PDB file of N, CA and C in Angstrom:
ATOM      1  N   MET A   1      61.595  77.865  91.206  1.00  0.00           N
ATOM      2  CA  MET A   1      61.341  76.907  90.227  1.00  0.00           C
ATOM      3  C   MET A   1      60.554  77.765  89.017  1.00  0.00           C
ATOM      4  N   ASP A   2      60.853  77.540  87.796  1.00  0.00           N
ATOM      5  CA  ASP A   2      60.413  78.193  86.666  1.00  0.00           C
ATOM      6  C   ASP A   2      58.897  77.876  86.613  1.00  0.00           C
ATOM      7  N   PRO A   3      57.992  79.001  86.514  1.00  0.00           N
ATOM      8  CA  PRO A   3      56.621  78.753  86.337  1.00  0.00           C
ATOM      9  C   PRO A   3      56.143  77.840  85.279  1.00  0.00           C
ATOM     10  N   ARG A   4      56.886  77.797  84.164  1.00  0.00           N
ATOM     11  CA  ARG A   4      56.497  76.937  82.940  1.00  0.00           C
ATOM     12  C   ARG A   4      56.747  75.441  83.477  1.00  0.00           C
ATOM     13  N   ILE A   5      57.679  75.140  84.029  1.00  0.00           N
ATOM     14  CA  ILE A   5      58.053  73.774  84.412  1.00  0.00           C
ATOM     15  C   ILE A   5      56.915  73.412  85.475  1.00  0.00           C
ATOM     16  N   LEU A   6      56.585  74.204  86.374  1.00  0.00           N
ATOM     17  CA  LEU A   6      55.618  74.051  87.316  1.00  0.00           C
ATOM     18  C   LEU A   6      54.220  73.731  86.722  1.00  0.00           C
ATOM     19  N   THR A   7      53.827  74.470  85.620  1.00  0.00           N
ATOM     20  CA  THR A   7      52.636  74.360  85.023  1.00  0.00           C
ATOM     21  C   THR A   7      52.707  72.963  84.146  1.00  0.00           C
ATOM     22  N   ILE A   8      53.801  72.611  83.665  1.00  0.00           N
ATOM     23  CA  ILE A   8      53.893  71.386  82.978  1.00  0.00           C
ATOM     24  C   ILE A   8      53.600  70.053  83.899  1.00  0.00           C
ATOM     25  N   PHE A   9      54.227  70.188  85.142  1.00  0.00           N
ATOM     26  CA  PHE A   9      54.066  69.229  86.118  1.00  0.00           C
ATOM     27  C   PHE A   9      52.494  69.075  86.615  1.00  0.00           C
ATOM     28  N   ILE A  10      51.858  70.214  86.674  1.00  0.00           N
ATOM     29  CA  ILE A  10      50.452  70.186  87.064  1.00  0.00           C
ATOM     30  C   ILE A  10      49.626  69.707  86.025  1.00  0.00           C
ATOM     31  N   ILE A  11      49.847  69.924  84.827  1.00  0.00           N
ATOM     32  CA  ILE A  11      48.988  69.356  83.663  1.00  0.00           C
ATOM     33  C   ILE A  11      49.316  67.929  83.585  1.00  0.00           C
ATOM     34  N   LEU A  12      50.519  67.495  83.672  1.00  0.00           N
ATOM     35  CA  LEU A  12      50.839  66.077  83.816  1.00  0.00           C
ATOM     36  C   LEU A  12      50.110  65.323  84.811  1.00  0.00           C
ATOM     37  N   GLY A  13      50.069  65.904  85.994  1.00  0.00           N
ATOM     38  CA  GLY A  13      49.424  65.369  87.178  1.00  0.00           C
ATOM     39  C   GLY A  13      47.947  65.216  86.918  1.00  0.00           C
ATOM     40  N   VAL A  14      47.327  66.282  86.462  1.00  0.00           N
ATOM     41  CA  VAL A  14      45.845  66.193  86.026  1.00  0.00           C
ATOM     42  C   VAL A  14      45.574  65.126  84.981  1.00  0.00           C
ATOM     43  N   VAL A  15      46.538  65.040  83.846  1.00  0.00           N
ATOM     44  CA  VAL A  15      46.298  63.948  82.784  1.00  0.00           C
ATOM     45  C   VAL A  15      46.393  62.619  83.459  1.00  0.00           C
ATOM     46  N   ILE A  16      47.380  62.511  84.270  1.00  0.00           N
ATOM     47  CA  ILE A  16      47.384  61.042  84.933  1.00  0.00           C
ATOM     48  C   ILE A  16      46.236  60.761  85.815  1.00  0.00           C
ATOM     49  N   VAL A  17      45.843  61.534  86.602  1.00  0.00           N
ATOM     50  CA  VAL A  17      44.707  61.442  87.555  1.00  0.00           C
ATOM     51  C   VAL A  17      43.462  61.112  86.547  1.00  0.00           C
ATOM     52  N   VAL A  18      43.172  61.799  85.457  1.00  0.00           N
ATOM     53  CA  VAL A  18      42.059  61.567  84.633  1.00  0.00           C
ATOM     54  C   VAL A  18      42.205  60.246  83.944  1.00  0.00           C
ATOM     55  N   ALA A  19      43.355  59.945  83.513  1.00  0.00           N
ATOM     56  CA  ALA A  19      43.656  58.623  82.776  1.00  0.00           C
ATOM     57  C   ALA A  19      43.289  57.485  83.694  1.00  0.00           C
ATOM     58  N   ILE A  20      43.595  57.554  84.889  1.00  0.00           N
ATOM     59  CA  ILE A  20      43.343  56.543  85.972  1.00  0.00           C
ATOM     60  C   ILE A  20      41.921  56.493  86.365  1.00  0.00           C
ATOM     61  N   THR A  21      41.311  57.561  86.639  1.00  0.00           N
ATOM     62  CA  THR A  21      39.923  57.586  87.187  1.00  0.00           C
ATOM     63  C   THR A  21      38.813  57.480  86.223  1.00  0.00           C
ATOM     64  N   VAL A  22      38.890  57.781  84.979  1.00  0.00           N
ATOM     65  CA  VAL A  22      37.950  57.797  83.980  1.00  0.00           C
ATOM     66  C   VAL A  22      37.645  56.306  83.679  1.00  0.00           C
ATOM     67  N   PRO A  23      38.432  55.328  83.444  1.00  0.00           N
ATOM     68  CA  PRO A  23      38.090  53.965  83.146  1.00  0.00           C
ATOM     69  C   PRO A  23      37.444  53.384  84.452  1.00  0.00           C
ATOM     70  N   LEU A  24      37.750  53.775  85.616  1.00  0.00           N
ATOM     71  CA  LEU A  24      37.032  53.339  86.845  1.00  0.00           C
ATOM     72  C   LEU A  24      35.674  53.733  86.910  1.00  0.00           C
ATOM     73  N   LEU A  25      35.387  54.955  86.393  1.00  0.00           N
ATOM     74  CA  LEU A  25      33.981  55.497  86.433  1.00  0.00           C
ATOM     75  C   LEU A  25      33.013  55.021  85.448  1.00  0.00           C
ATOM     76  N   LYS A  26      33.562  54.422  84.461  1.00  0.00           N
ATOM     77  CA  LYS A  26      32.681  53.888  83.330  1.00  0.00           C
ATOM     78  C   LYS A  26      31.893  52.778  83.808  1.00  0.00           C
ATOM     79  N   LYS A  27      30.641  52.803  83.422  1.00  0.00           N
ATOM     80  CA  LYS A  27      29.605  51.591  83.843  1.00  0.00           C
ATOM     81  C   LYS A  27      30.223  50.325  83.335  1.00  0.00           C
ATOM     82  N   LYS A  28      30.217  49.411  84.190  1.00  0.00           N
ATOM     83  CA  LYS A  28      30.521  48.029  83.841  1.00  0.00           C
ATOM     84  C   LYS A  28      29.484  47.533  82.908  1.00  0.00           C
ATOM     85  N   LYS A  29      29.953  47.061  81.704  1.00  0.00           N
ATOM     86  CA  LYS A  29      28.939  46.345  80.784  1.00  0.00           C
ATOM     87  C   LYS A  29      28.469  45.109  81.261  1.00  0.00           C
ATOM     88  N   ASN A  30      27.123  44.927  81.064  1.00  0.00           N
ATOM     89  CA  ASN A  30      26.594  43.624  81.326  1.00  0.00           C
ATOM     90  C   ASN A  30      26.769  42.811  80.182  1.00  0.00           C
ATOM     91  N   VAL A  31      27.140  41.612  80.329  1.00  0.00           N
ATOM     92  CA  VAL A  31      27.221  40.576  79.223  1.00  0.00           C
ATOM     93  C   VAL A  31      26.397  39.549  79.489  1.00  0.00           C
ATOM     94  N   ILE A  32      25.468  39.363  78.625  1.00  0.00           N
ATOM     95  CA  ILE A  32      24.350  38.469  78.797  1.00  0.00           C
ATOM     96  C   ILE A  32      24.913  36.985  78.723  1.00  0.00           C
ATOM     97  N   THR A  33      24.437  36.053  79.484  1.00  0.00           N
ATOM     98  CA  THR A  33      24.801  34.760  79.473  1.00  0.00           C
ATOM     99  C   THR A  33      23.776  33.848  78.675  1.00  0.00           C
ATOM    100  N   TYR A  34      24.185  32.857  78.311  1.00  0.00           N
ATOM    101  CA  TYR A  34      23.255  31.952  77.546  1.00  0.00           C
ATOM    102  C   TYR A  34      21.972  31.525  78.486  1.00  0.00           C
ATOM    103  N   ASP A  35      22.266  31.274  79.620  1.00  0.00           N
ATOM    104  CA  ASP A  35      21.152  30.851  80.590  1.00  0.00           C
ATOM    105  C   ASP A  35      20.148  31.938  80.904  1.00  0.00           C
ATOM    106  N   GLU A  36      20.716  33.198  81.051  1.00  0.00           N
ATOM    107  CA  GLU A  36      19.883  34.373  81.170  1.00  0.00           C
ATOM    108  C   GLU A  36      18.965  34.498  79.896  1.00  0.00           C
ATOM    109  N   LEU A  37      19.552  34.422  78.774  1.00  0.00           N
ATOM    110  CA  LEU A  37      18.920  34.658  77.500  1.00  0.00           C
ATOM    111  C   LEU A  37      17.758  33.543  77.315  1.00  0.00           C
ATOM    112  N   THR A  38      18.210  32.337  77.532  1.00  0.00           N
ATOM    113  CA  THR A  38      16.869  31.330  77.322  1.00  0.00           C
ATOM    114  C   THR A  38      15.930  31.531  78.311  1.00  0.00           C
ATOM    115  N   GLU A  39      16.170  31.810  79.654  1.00  0.00           N
ATOM    116  CA  GLU A  39      15.190  32.139  80.644  1.00  0.00           C
ATOM    117  C   GLU A  39      14.385  33.309  80.110  1.00  0.00           C
ATOM    118  N   LEU A  40      15.067  34.436  79.753  1.00  0.00           N
ATOM    119  CA  LEU A  40      14.297  35.560  79.220  1.00  0.00           C
ATOM    120  C   LEU A  40      13.434  35.341  78.031  1.00  0.00           C
ATOM    121  N   LEU A  41      13.884  34.654  77.056  1.00  0.00           N
ATOM    122  CA  LEU A  41      13.178  34.402  75.880  1.00  0.00           C
ATOM    123  C   LEU A  41      11.874  33.466  76.054  1.00  0.00           C
ATOM    124  N   ASN A  42      11.990  32.666  77.126  1.00  0.00           N
ATOM    125  CA  ASN A  42      10.935  31.722  77.253  1.00  0.00           C
ATOM    126  C   ASN A  42      10.582  30.986  75.960  1.00  0.00           C
ATOM    127  N   ILE A  43      11.511  29.934  75.731  1.00  0.00           N
ATOM    128  CA  ILE A  43      11.502  29.249  74.400  1.00  0.00           C
ATOM    129  C   ILE A  43      10.022  28.693  74.008  1.00  0.00           C
ATOM    130  N   ASP A  44       9.245  28.446  75.005  1.00  0.00           N
ATOM    131  CA  ASP A  44       7.816  28.078  74.595  1.00  0.00           C
ATOM    132  C   ASP A  44       7.029  29.120  73.762  1.00  0.00           C
ATOM    133  N   LEU A  45       7.437  30.371  74.069  1.00  0.00           N
ATOM    134  CA  LEU A  45       6.774  31.440  73.254  1.00  0.00           C
ATOM    135  C   LEU A  45       7.341  31.668  71.934  1.00  0.00           C
ATOM    136  N   VAL A  46       8.450  31.056  71.733  1.00  0.00           N
ATOM    137  CA  VAL A  46       9.227  31.306  70.331  1.00  0.00           C
ATOM    138  C   VAL A  46       8.727  30.430  69.286  1.00  0.00           C
ATOM    139  N   THR A  47       8.406  30.985  68.085  1.00  0.00           N
ATOM    140  CA  THR A  47       8.041  30.118  66.912  1.00  0.00           C
ATOM    141  C   THR A  47       9.288  29.894  65.972  1.00  0.00           C
ATOM    142  N   LYS A  48      10.155  30.935  65.893  1.00  0.00           N
ATOM    143  CA  LYS A  48      11.296  30.708  64.946  1.00  0.00           C
ATOM    144  C   LYS A  48      12.516  31.572  65.486  1.00  0.00           C
ATOM    145  N   ILE A  49      13.681  31.064  65.305  1.00  0.00           N
ATOM    146  CA  ILE A  49      14.877  31.837  65.599  1.00  0.00           C
ATOM    147  C   ILE A  49      15.851  31.754  64.343  1.00  0.00           C
ATOM    148  N   GLU A  50      16.221  32.969  63.998  1.00  0.00           N
ATOM    149  CA  GLU A  50      17.117  33.074  62.837  1.00  0.00           C
ATOM    150  C   GLU A  50      18.341  33.859  63.162  1.00  0.00           C
ATOM    151  N   TYR A  51      19.420  33.718  62.311  1.00  0.00           N
ATOM    152  CA  TYR A  51      20.603  34.569  62.499  1.00  0.00           C
ATOM    153  C   TYR A  51      20.793  35.274  61.158  1.00  0.00           C
ATOM    154  N   ILE A  52      20.658  36.602  61.252  1.00  0.00           N
ATOM    155  CA  ILE A  52      20.804  37.375  59.955  1.00  0.00           C
ATOM    156  C   ILE A  52      21.787  38.564  60.226  1.00  0.00           C
ATOM    157  N   ARG A  53      22.787  38.605  59.477  1.00  0.00           N
ATOM    158  CA  ARG A  53      23.844  39.679  59.599  1.00  0.00           C
ATOM    159  C   ARG A  53      24.169  40.212  60.970  1.00  0.00           C
ATOM    160  N   ASN A  54      24.731  39.185  61.708  1.00  0.00           N
ATOM    161  CA  ASN A  54      25.222  39.308  63.177  1.00  0.00           C
ATOM    162  C   ASN A  54      24.025  39.589  64.131  1.00  0.00           C
ATOM    163  N   LYS A  55      22.879  39.561  63.752  1.00  0.00           N
ATOM    164  CA  LYS A  55      21.781  39.638  64.691  1.00  0.00           C
ATOM    165  C   LYS A  55      20.946  38.343  64.880  1.00  0.00           C
ATOM    166  N   ILE A  56      20.539  38.109  66.137  1.00  0.00           N
ATOM    167  CA  ILE A  56      19.674  37.089  66.415  1.00  0.00           C
ATOM    168  C   ILE A  56      18.283  37.571  66.275  1.00  0.00           C
ATOM    169  N   VAL A  57      17.510  36.957  65.459  1.00  0.00           N
ATOM    170  CA  VAL A  57      15.955  37.353  65.241  1.00  0.00           C
ATOM    171  C   VAL A  57      15.086  36.238  65.774  1.00  0.00           C
ATOM    172  N   VAL A  58      14.364  36.642  66.763  1.00  0.00           N
ATOM    173  CA  VAL A  58      13.340  35.695  67.462  1.00  0.00           C
ATOM    174  C   VAL A  58      12.006  36.110  67.056  1.00  0.00           C
ATOM    175  N   THR A  59      11.279  35.149  66.673  1.00  0.00           N
ATOM    176  CA  THR A  59       9.823  35.432  66.305  1.00  0.00           C
ATOM    177  C   THR A  59       9.057  34.874  67.382  1.00  0.00           C
ATOM    178  N   PHE A  60       8.050  35.514  67.958  1.00  0.00           N
ATOM    179  CA  PHE A  60       7.236  35.026  69.068  1.00  0.00           C
ATOM    180  C   PHE A  60       5.882  34.865  68.672  1.00  0.00           C
ATOM    181  N   LYS A  61       5.199  33.925  69.357  1.00  0.00           N
ATOM    182  CA  LYS A  61       3.763  33.596  69.146  1.00  0.00           C
ATOM    183  C   LYS A  61       2.934  34.887  69.616  1.00  0.00           C
ATOM    184  N   ASP A  62       3.373  35.499  70.736  1.00  0.00           N
ATOM    185  CA  ASP A  62       2.638  36.654  71.258  1.00  0.00           C
ATOM    186  C   ASP A  62       3.731  37.584  71.728  1.00  0.00           C
ATOM    187  N   ILE A  63       4.166  38.562  70.990  1.00  0.00           N
ATOM    188  CA  ILE A  63       5.201  39.575  71.432  1.00  0.00           C
ATOM    189  C   ILE A  63       4.793  40.249  72.710  1.00  0.00           C
ATOM    190  N   ASN A  64       3.661  40.468  72.954  1.00  0.00           N
ATOM    191  CA  ASN A  64       3.121  41.077  74.214  1.00  0.00           C
ATOM    192  C   ASN A  64       3.595  40.414  75.470  1.00  0.00           C
ATOM    193  N   LYS A  65       3.883  39.048  75.438  1.00  0.00           N
ATOM    194  CA  LYS A  65       4.233  38.351  76.534  1.00  0.00           C
ATOM    195  C   LYS A  65       5.644  38.455  76.844  1.00  0.00           C
ATOM    196  N   PHE A  66       6.406  39.142  75.840  1.00  0.00           N
ATOM    197  CA  PHE A  66       7.913  39.239  76.021  1.00  0.00           C
ATOM    198  C   PHE A  66       8.279  40.652  76.582  1.00  0.00           C
ATOM    199  N   ASP A  67       9.289  40.657  77.569  1.00  0.00           N
ATOM    200  CA  ASP A  67       9.615  41.934  78.226  1.00  0.00           C
ATOM    201  C   ASP A  67      10.943  42.434  77.602  1.00  0.00           C
ATOM    202  N   ILE A  68      10.749  43.422  76.694  1.00  0.00           N
ATOM    203  CA  ILE A  68      11.860  44.012  76.083  1.00  0.00           C
ATOM    204  C   ILE A  68      12.805  44.690  76.995  1.00  0.00           C
ATOM    205  N   GLU A  69      12.316  45.239  77.962  1.00  0.00           N
ATOM    206  CA  GLU A  69      13.083  46.119  79.047  1.00  0.00           C
ATOM    207  C   GLU A  69      14.016  45.025  79.680  1.00  0.00           C
ATOM    208  N   LYS A  70      13.676  43.862  79.923  1.00  0.00           N
ATOM    209  CA  LYS A  70      14.585  42.859  80.582  1.00  0.00           C
ATOM    210  C   LYS A  70      15.718  42.543  79.588  1.00  0.00           C
ATOM    211  N   LEU A  71      15.444  42.482  78.176  1.00  0.00           N
ATOM    212  CA  LEU A  71      16.575  42.232  77.348  1.00  0.00           C
ATOM    213  C   LEU A  71      17.545  43.386  77.265  1.00  0.00           C
ATOM    214  N   LYS A  72      17.000  44.534  77.445  1.00  0.00           N
ATOM    215  CA  LYS A  72      17.963  45.705  77.446  1.00  0.00           C
ATOM    216  C   LYS A  72      18.743  45.696  78.848  1.00  0.00           C
ATOM    217  N   ASP A  73      18.081  45.407  79.801  1.00  0.00           N
ATOM    218  CA  ASP A  73      18.746  45.331  81.089  1.00  0.00           C
ATOM    219  C   ASP A  73      19.994  44.353  81.202  1.00  0.00           C
ATOM    220  N   VAL A  74      19.820  43.216  80.562  1.00  0.00           N
ATOM    221  CA  VAL A  74      20.825  42.165  80.571  1.00  0.00           C
ATOM    222  C   VAL A  74      21.988  42.477  79.573  1.00  0.00           C
ATOM    223  N   GLY A  75      21.969  43.475  78.768  1.00  0.00           N
ATOM    224  CA  GLY A  75      23.110  43.859  78.001  1.00  0.00           C
ATOM    225  C   GLY A  75      22.844  43.610  76.498  1.00  0.00           C
ATOM    226  N   ALA A  76      21.778  43.204  75.981  1.00  0.00           N
ATOM    227  CA  ALA A  76      21.577  43.099  74.453  1.00  0.00           C
ATOM    228  C   ALA A  76      21.734  44.419  73.895  1.00  0.00           C
ATOM    229  N   LYS A  77      22.122  44.372  72.613  1.00  0.00           N
ATOM    230  CA  LYS A  77      22.418  45.788  71.908  1.00  0.00           C
ATOM    231  C   LYS A  77      21.601  45.661  70.529  1.00  0.00           C
ATOM    232  N   GLY A  78      21.458  46.828  70.000  1.00  0.00           N
ATOM    233  CA  GLY A  78      20.814  46.963  68.646  1.00  0.00           C
ATOM    234  C   GLY A  78      19.394  46.321  68.559  1.00  0.00           C
ATOM    235  N   ILE A  79      18.664  46.522  69.713  1.00  0.00           N
ATOM    236  CA  ILE A  79      17.339  45.808  69.754  1.00  0.00           C
ATOM    237  C   ILE A  79      16.245  46.570  68.797  1.00  0.00           C
ATOM    238  N   ASN A  80      15.769  45.711  67.841  1.00  0.00           N
ATOM    239  CA  ASN A  80      14.724  46.249  66.931  1.00  0.00           C
ATOM    240  C   ASN A  80      13.557  45.359  67.064  1.00  0.00           C
ATOM    241  N   ILE A  81      12.212  45.845  67.042  1.00  0.00           N
ATOM    242  CA  ILE A  81      11.051  45.053  67.181  1.00  0.00           C
ATOM    243  C   ILE A  81      10.321  45.392  65.879  1.00  0.00           C
ATOM    244  N   VAL A  82       9.986  44.212  65.161  1.00  0.00           N
ATOM    245  CA  VAL A  82       9.316  44.478  63.891  1.00  0.00           C
ATOM    246  C   VAL A  82       8.228  43.329  63.898  1.00  0.00           C
ATOM    247  N   GLY A  83       7.031  43.766  64.107  1.00  0.00           N
ATOM    248  CA  GLY A  83       5.825  42.924  64.287  1.00  0.00           C
ATOM    249  C   GLY A  83       6.017  41.950  65.462  1.00  0.00           C
ATOM    250  N   ASP A  84       6.103  40.772  65.241  1.00  0.00           N
ATOM    251  CA  ASP A  84       6.310  39.658  66.255  1.00  0.00           C
ATOM    252  C   ASP A  84       7.861  39.274  66.461  1.00  0.00           C
ATOM    253  N   LYS A  85       8.797  39.937  65.759  1.00  0.00           N
ATOM    254  CA  LYS A  85      10.177  39.578  65.719  1.00  0.00           C
ATOM    255  C   LYS A  85      10.957  40.662  66.560  1.00  0.00           C
ATOM    256  N   VAL A  86      11.815  40.105  67.301  1.00  0.00           N
ATOM    257  CA  VAL A  86      12.863  40.964  68.110  1.00  0.00           C
ATOM    258  C   VAL A  86      14.206  40.614  67.407  1.00  0.00           C
ATOM    259  N   LYS A  87      14.845  41.640  67.099  1.00  0.00           N
ATOM    260  CA  LYS A  87      16.266  41.491  66.510  1.00  0.00           C
ATOM    261  C   LYS A  87      17.148  42.161  67.466  1.00  0.00           C
ATOM    262  N   PHE A  88      18.315  41.446  67.799  1.00  0.00           N
ATOM    263  CA  PHE A  88      19.390  41.923  68.681  1.00  0.00           C
ATOM    264  C   PHE A  88      20.651  41.264  68.460  1.00  0.00           C
ATOM    265  N   PHE A  89      21.642  41.850  69.098  1.00  0.00           N
ATOM    266  CA  PHE A  89      22.894  41.112  69.194  1.00  0.00           C
ATOM    267  C   PHE A  89      23.529  41.334  70.613  1.00  0.00           C
ATOM    268  N   VAL A  90      24.389  40.409  70.889  1.00  0.00           N
ATOM    269  CA  VAL A  90      24.844  40.468  72.355  1.00  0.00           C
ATOM    270  C   VAL A  90      26.312  40.935  72.358  1.00  0.00           C
ATOM    271  N   TYR A  91      27.143  40.456  71.340  1.00  0.00           N
ATOM    272  CA  TYR A  91      28.433  40.753  71.257  1.00  0.00           C
ATOM    273  C   TYR A  91      28.843  41.508  69.987  1.00  0.00           C
ATOM    274  N   ASP A  92      29.901  42.303  69.987  1.00  0.00           N
ATOM    275  CA  ASP A  92      30.324  42.974  68.791  1.00  0.00           C
ATOM    276  C   ASP A  92      30.904  42.079  67.803  1.00  0.00           C
ATOM    277  N   GLU A  93      31.358  40.884  68.097  1.00  0.00           N
ATOM    278  CA  GLU A  93      31.884  39.784  67.279  1.00  0.00           C
ATOM    279  C   GLU A  93      30.834  38.993  66.841  1.00  0.00           C
ATOM    280  N   ALA A  94      30.739  38.782  65.380  1.00  0.00           N
ATOM    281  CA  ALA A  94      29.713  37.886  64.883  1.00  0.00           C
ATOM    282  C   ALA A  94      29.774  36.570  65.228  1.00  0.00           C
ATOM    283  N   THR A  95      30.905  36.033  65.390  1.00  0.00           N
ATOM    284  CA  THR A  95      31.184  34.599  65.736  1.00  0.00           C
ATOM    285  C   THR A  95      30.545  34.193  67.089  1.00  0.00           C
ATOM    286  N   LYS A  96      30.717  35.160  68.029  1.00  0.00           N
ATOM    287  CA  LYS A  96      30.044  35.017  69.487  1.00  0.00           C
ATOM    288  C   LYS A  96      28.600  34.930  69.307  1.00  0.00           C
ATOM    289  N   ASN A  97      28.090  35.879  68.564  1.00  0.00           N
ATOM    290  CA  ASN A  97      26.603  35.930  68.378  1.00  0.00           C
ATOM    291  C   ASN A  97      26.067  34.571  67.750  1.00  0.00           C
ATOM    292  N   GLU A  98      26.841  34.225  66.731  1.00  0.00           N
ATOM    293  CA  GLU A  98      26.361  32.937  66.179  1.00  0.00           C
ATOM    294  C   GLU A  98      26.580  31.686  67.085  1.00  0.00           C
ATOM    295  N   ILE A  99      27.308  31.599  68.007  1.00  0.00           N
ATOM    296  CA  ILE A  99      27.307  30.638  69.045  1.00  0.00           C
ATOM    297  C   ILE A  99      26.231  30.705  69.873  1.00  0.00           C
ATOM    298  N   ILE A 100      25.802  31.913  70.296  1.00  0.00           N
ATOM    299  CA  ILE A 100      24.508  32.060  71.089  1.00  0.00           C
ATOM    300  C   ILE A 100      23.319  31.548  70.229  1.00  0.00           C
ATOM    301  N   TYR A 101      23.280  32.036  68.984  1.00  0.00           N
ATOM    302  CA  TYR A 101      22.184  31.538  68.063  1.00  0.00           C
ATOM    303  C   TYR A 101      22.076  30.062  68.043  1.00  0.00           C
ATOM    304  N   ASN A 102      23.184  29.403  67.859  1.00  0.00           N
ATOM    305  CA  ASN A 102      23.285  27.842  67.740  1.00  0.00           C
ATOM    306  C   ASN A 102      22.867  27.247  69.130  1.00  0.00           C
ATOM    307  N   GLN A 103      23.192  27.865  70.246  1.00  0.00           N
ATOM    308  CA  GLN A 103      22.777  27.264  71.531  1.00  0.00           C
ATOM    309  C   GLN A 103      21.260  27.492  71.566  1.00  0.00           C
ATOM    310  N   LEU A 104      20.647  28.613  71.153  1.00  0.00           N
ATOM    311  CA  LEU A 104      19.247  28.819  71.315  1.00  0.00           C
ATOM    312  C   LEU A 104      18.436  27.797  70.290  1.00  0.00           C
ATOM    313  N   ILE A 105      19.049  27.535  69.199  1.00  0.00           N
ATOM    314  CA  ILE A 105      18.499  26.667  68.301  1.00  0.00           C
ATOM    315  C   ILE A 105      18.378  25.187  68.919  1.00  0.00           C
ATOM    316  N   GLU A 106      19.420  24.737  69.562  1.00  0.00           N
ATOM    317  CA  GLU A 106      19.564  23.565  70.306  1.00  0.00           C
ATOM    318  C   GLU A 106      18.506  23.466  71.388  1.00  0.00           C
ATOM    319  N   GLN A 107      18.353  24.516  72.130  1.00  0.00           N
ATOM    320  CA  GLN A 107      17.346  24.595  73.139  1.00  0.00           C
ATOM    321  C   GLN A 107      15.931  24.527  72.642  1.00  0.00           C
ATOM    322  N   LYS A 108      15.667  25.097  71.390  1.00  0.00           N
ATOM    323  CA  LYS A 108      14.250  25.108  70.882  1.00  0.00           C
ATOM    324  C   LYS A 108      14.014  23.688  70.335  1.00  0.00           C
ATOM    325  N   GLU A 109      14.894  23.033  69.870  1.00  0.00           N
ATOM    326  CA  GLU A 109      14.726  21.643  69.261  1.00  0.00           C
ATOM    327  C   GLU A 109      14.600  20.664  70.284  1.00  0.00           C
ATOM    328  N   ARG A 110      14.808  20.931  71.655  1.00  0.00           N
ATOM    329  CA  ARG A 110      14.706  19.874  72.629  1.00  0.00           C
ATOM    330  C   ARG A 110      13.286  19.687  73.022  1.00  0.00           C
TER     331      ARG A 110
END
């Protein structure tokens, strides 16, 4: 067999193996659920909830009682802390973040 053809088959085999295994090795993304978020935020500690440019902005009475690491662990993205405010988003799609925001507002108003 021609060495060039053998080389092409080996390269194709490697490409196929890599294409199959790489997606399997990627870490599965956590997608935060509404229930996890409301439990995590502890609505009693929240003074205000806003939705600004695809981010949910939560203002706390005492930011020290909120565990930022848990928010990271459940899959929130783009987390910023400014004073007593925590800004974050859950999904890359703005409409899905807005749905979560509206659910949080409903929970807060109860």
